[in-house]
Amino acid sequence: MLRIILLSFITSIFIFCKSMDDRQLSKEPSSESQSLFNGKDLSGWEIYGTEKWYVDDGLLICESGSDKGYGYLATTGTYKNFELSLEFQQEANGNSGVFIRSSIEGTKITGWQAEVAPPGHSTGGIYESYGRGWLIKPDPSLDKHLKMGEWNNMTIKADGDTLTTYLNGVKMISLTDEKIGAATGQIALQIHDGGGIKVKWKNITLQSI
């Protein structure tokens, strides 16, 4: 009798463990992380406009061209819910930005831009291109966290209707908006018009939510 009980117990443990193993094997990962920039070339990206985008010493660099117009470098893929982390270093003017859930025709872009700009110009704020304009700007007191001429880390979290940005680990804004939540699109880096702009980028990583 004891042998039967022991055998039944061992069998139950085996079935339970196998069930858990099968569950782990079939379970899809809750998140997937990927590097969007390989440090070598512009694979996975597409240039819009005539401004300069190139790779030098492992860095992605954008510079104004002779026409001093708007320019974009956008992913060939589209994304909806994610946490995007990247580093940027501004030289000269440095007026740029990171678009999410966007679409581009020529140099006309629709979507939402997390601002990257010189001090005093709302880095980390959200601007809706060809739409409602500025949706939210950070509190001016947070501008002290921008390090002009040095490397900065920006994180953009897009999760459903909610969009949150961080600069060097400090939350800049949080915005909930149904129009943003309904969209899916490309991620794009911007060169603002006006000329004299140069920005370096590195460690562009996306983790899906």
Protein backbone atom coordinates (compact mmCIF):
# COMPACT_ATOMS: atom_id res chain seq x y z
CA MET A 1 0.00 0.00 0.00
CA LEU A 2 2.83 2.37 0.91
CA ARG A 3 4.55 1.57 -2.38
CA ILE A 4 1.40 2.45 -4.33
CA ILE A 5 1.02 5.76 -2.47
CA LEU A 6 4.70 6.62 -3.04
CA LEU A 7 4.49 5.73 -6.75
CA SER A 8 1.36 7.85 -7.12
CA PHE A 9 3.09 10.78 -5.42
CA ILE A 10 6.18 10.54 -7.66
CA THR A 11 3.96 10.30 -10.76
CA SER A 12 2.04 13.41 -9.70
CA ILE A 13 5.29 15.36 -9.18
CA PHE A 14 6.56 14.27 -12.62
CA ILE A 15 3.32 15.33 -14.34
CA PHE A 16 3.34 18.68 -12.54
CA CYS A 17 6.97 19.42 -13.46
CA LYS A 18 6.43 18.44 -17.09
CA SER A 19 3.35 20.65 -17.24
CA MET A 20 5.35 23.59 -15.91
CA ASP A 21 8.16 22.92 -18.41
CA ASP A 22 5.68 22.79 -21.30
CA ARG A 23 4.10 26.00 -20.10
CA GLN A 24 7.47 27.74 -20.02
CA LEU A 25 8.34 26.47 -23.49
CA SER A 26 5.06 27.65 -25.00
CA LYS A 27 4.93 30.97 -23.16
CA GLU A 28 5.75 33.97 -25.35
CA PRO A 29 8.21 36.43 -23.82
CA SER A 30 6.54 39.47 -22.24
CA SER A 31 9.07 41.80 -23.82
CA GLU A 32 11.64 41.76 -26.57
CA SER A 33 14.70 44.02 -26.64
CA GLN A 34 16.56 44.98 -29.79
CA SER A 35 19.24 47.40 -30.91
CA LEU A 36 18.02 49.69 -33.69
CA PHE A 37 21.50 50.94 -34.61
CA ASN A 38 24.35 48.52 -35.35
CA GLY A 39 27.17 51.06 -35.03
CA LYS A 40 28.38 50.32 -38.58
CA ASP A 41 25.88 51.60 -41.12
CA LEU A 42 22.28 52.73 -41.59
CA SER A 43 20.79 49.26 -41.99
CA GLY A 44 17.16 49.27 -40.85
CA TRP A 45 16.83 53.02 -41.42
CA GLU A 46 15.72 55.22 -44.33
CA ILE A 47 16.75 58.82 -45.06
CA TYR A 48 14.09 61.42 -45.85
CA GLY A 49 15.27 64.74 -47.25
CA THR A 50 18.72 65.95 -48.32
CA GLU A 51 20.30 66.49 -44.89
CA LYS A 52 23.34 64.45 -43.87
CA TRP A 53 23.09 61.15 -41.98
CA TYR A 54 26.19 59.00 -41.59
CA VAL A 55 28.13 56.71 -39.25
CA ASP A 56 31.55 57.70 -37.90
CA ASP A 57 33.53 55.79 -35.28
CA GLY A 58 30.47 53.84 -34.18
CA LEU A 59 28.28 56.92 -33.82
CA LEU A 60 25.22 57.93 -35.82
CA ILE A 61 25.59 61.57 -36.85
CA CYS A 62 23.17 64.05 -38.38
CA GLU A 63 24.15 67.40 -39.88
CA SER A 64 22.34 70.13 -41.75
CA GLY A 65 22.83 70.10 -45.51
CA SER A 66 23.27 72.97 -47.93
CA ASP A 67 19.51 73.51 -48.27
CA LYS A 68 19.16 73.93 -44.48
CA GLY A 69 15.83 72.10 -44.52
CA TYR A 70 14.12 69.50 -42.39
CA GLY A 71 15.52 65.99 -42.54
CA TYR A 72 14.58 62.65 -41.02
CA LEU A 73 16.10 59.24 -40.49
CA ALA A 74 13.33 56.73 -39.86
CA THR A 75 13.14 53.05 -39.09
CA THR A 76 11.96 50.80 -41.89
CA GLY A 77 9.80 48.99 -39.34
CA THR A 78 6.81 50.28 -37.39
CA TYR A 79 6.27 50.12 -33.63
CA LYS A 80 3.44 50.76 -31.18
CA ASN A 81 4.10 49.88 -27.53
CA PHE A 82 7.71 50.10 -26.42
CA GLU A 83 10.37 51.69 -24.29
CA LEU A 84 13.00 53.41 -26.43
CA SER A 85 16.35 54.35 -24.93
CA LEU A 86 19.06 56.33 -26.71
CA GLU A 87 21.94 58.70 -26.08
CA PHE A 88 22.51 62.01 -27.85
CA GLN A 89 25.16 64.71 -27.86
CA GLN A 90 24.38 68.13 -29.31
CA GLU A 91 26.91 70.27 -31.11
CA ALA A 92 26.32 73.78 -32.45
CA ASN A 93 22.57 74.43 -32.55
CA GLY A 94 21.54 70.83 -31.88
CA ASN A 95 17.81 71.33 -32.53
CA SER A 96 16.48 67.84 -33.19
CA GLY A 97 13.96 65.33 -31.86
CA VAL A 98 12.74 61.74 -31.73
CA PHE A 99 9.42 60.93 -33.41
CA ILE A 100 7.28 57.95 -32.42
CA ARG A 101 4.31 56.29 -34.13
CA SER A 102 4.99 58.49 -37.14
CA SER A 103 4.60 58.36 -40.93
CA ILE A 104 6.60 60.31 -43.50
CA GLU A 105 6.08 61.46 -47.07
CA GLY A 106 9.05 63.38 -48.45
CA THR A 107 9.91 65.60 -45.51
CA LYS A 108 6.35 65.90 -44.21
CA ILE A 109 6.03 63.89 -41.03
CA THR A 110 2.95 63.19 -38.94
CA GLY A 111 3.36 61.86 -35.44
CA TRP A 112 4.67 62.86 -32.04
CA GLN A 113 8.10 64.28 -31.32
CA ALA A 114 10.00 64.08 -28.06
CA GLU A 115 11.96 67.31 -28.29
CA VAL A 116 15.77 67.35 -28.35
CA ALA A 117 16.94 70.96 -28.28
CA PRO A 118 19.40 73.41 -26.71
CA PRO A 119 18.80 74.64 -23.13
CA GLY A 120 15.59 76.57 -22.66
CA HIS A 121 13.73 74.87 -25.51
CA SER A 122 11.73 72.11 -23.78
CA THR A 123 13.81 68.99 -24.30
CA GLY A 124 11.62 66.02 -23.39
CA GLY A 125 8.37 67.78 -24.28
CA ILE A 126 5.91 66.38 -26.83
CA TYR A 127 5.05 68.15 -30.09
CA GLU A 128 2.44 66.87 -32.55
CA SER A 129 3.66 67.54 -36.08
CA TYR A 130 1.07 68.75 -38.61
CA GLY A 131 -1.55 68.63 -35.88
CA ARG A 132 -2.11 70.23 -32.49
CA GLY A 133 1.43 71.50 -32.01
CA TRP A 134 2.81 71.46 -28.47
CA LEU A 135 0.84 69.02 -26.32
CA ILE A 136 2.98 69.27 -23.22
CA LYS A 137 6.26 70.89 -22.14
CA PRO A 138 8.36 69.93 -19.13
CA ASP A 139 8.44 72.17 -16.10
CA PRO A 140 11.18 74.76 -16.86
CA SER A 141 12.99 73.78 -13.66
CA LEU A 142 13.75 70.35 -15.19
CA ASP A 143 15.82 71.90 -17.99
CA LYS A 144 18.85 71.82 -15.69
CA HIS A 145 19.12 68.08 -16.33
CA LEU A 146 20.08 68.66 -19.98
CA LYS A 147 23.86 68.57 -20.47
CA MET A 148 24.60 70.62 -23.58
CA GLY A 149 27.67 69.40 -25.45
CA GLU A 150 27.80 66.19 -23.38
CA TRP A 151 26.15 62.80 -23.72
CA ASN A 152 22.55 62.64 -22.51
CA ASN A 153 20.27 59.65 -22.13
CA MET A 154 16.64 59.90 -23.23
CA THR A 155 14.00 57.25 -22.61
CA ILE A 156 10.61 57.36 -24.30
CA LYS A 157 7.91 54.99 -23.07
CA ALA A 158 4.87 54.58 -25.31
CA ASP A 159 2.27 52.30 -23.72
CA GLY A 160 -1.23 52.51 -25.14
CA ASP A 161 -2.58 56.03 -24.59
CA THR A 162 0.24 57.02 -22.25
CA LEU A 163 3.51 58.61 -23.33
CA THR A 164 6.30 59.32 -20.83
CA THR A 165 9.77 60.76 -21.36
CA TYR A 166 12.86 60.70 -19.17
CA LEU A 167 16.08 62.71 -19.50
CA ASN A 168 19.14 61.38 -17.70
CA GLY A 169 16.89 59.34 -15.44
CA VAL A 170 14.53 62.22 -14.56
CA LYS A 171 10.88 62.08 -15.65
CA MET A 172 10.20 65.08 -17.86
CA ILE A 173 6.54 64.59 -18.85
CA SER A 174 3.71 62.08 -18.77
CA LEU A 175 0.79 62.46 -21.17
CA THR A 176 -2.35 60.42 -21.78
CA ASP A 177 -3.98 60.96 -25.16
CA GLU A 178 -6.39 58.77 -27.16
CA LYS A 179 -5.10 59.98 -30.53
CA ILE A 180 -1.55 58.92 -29.65
CA GLY A 181 -2.86 55.61 -28.33
CA ALA A 182 -4.60 54.78 -31.60
CA ALA A 183 -1.47 55.22 -33.73
CA THR A 184 1.29 52.89 -34.90
CA GLY A 185 4.27 53.99 -36.95
CA GLN A 186 7.95 54.57 -37.49
CA ILE A 187 10.53 55.88 -35.08
CA ALA A 188 12.38 58.82 -36.62
CA LEU A 189 15.24 61.14 -35.71
CA GLN A 190 14.94 64.73 -36.90
CA ILE A 191 17.17 67.54 -38.15
CA HIS A 192 15.35 70.84 -37.69
CA ASP A 193 15.46 73.39 -40.47
CA GLY A 194 17.59 76.54 -40.29
CA GLY A 195 21.05 75.05 -40.76
CA GLY A 196 24.03 74.76 -38.45
CA ILE A 197 22.75 71.64 -36.67
CA LYS A 198 24.84 68.66 -35.63
CA VAL A 199 23.78 65.88 -33.26
CA LYS A 200 25.45 62.56 -32.43
CA TRP A 201 23.50 59.45 -31.40
CA LYS A 202 24.39 56.05 -29.96
CA ASN A 203 22.99 53.07 -28.04
CA ILE A 204 19.55 53.20 -29.64
CA THR A 205 17.68 50.32 -28.03
CA LEU A 206 14.01 49.39 -28.12
CA GLN A 207 12.20 47.06 -25.75
CA SER A 208 8.70 46.06 -26.72
CA ILE A 209 5.93 46.21 -24.14
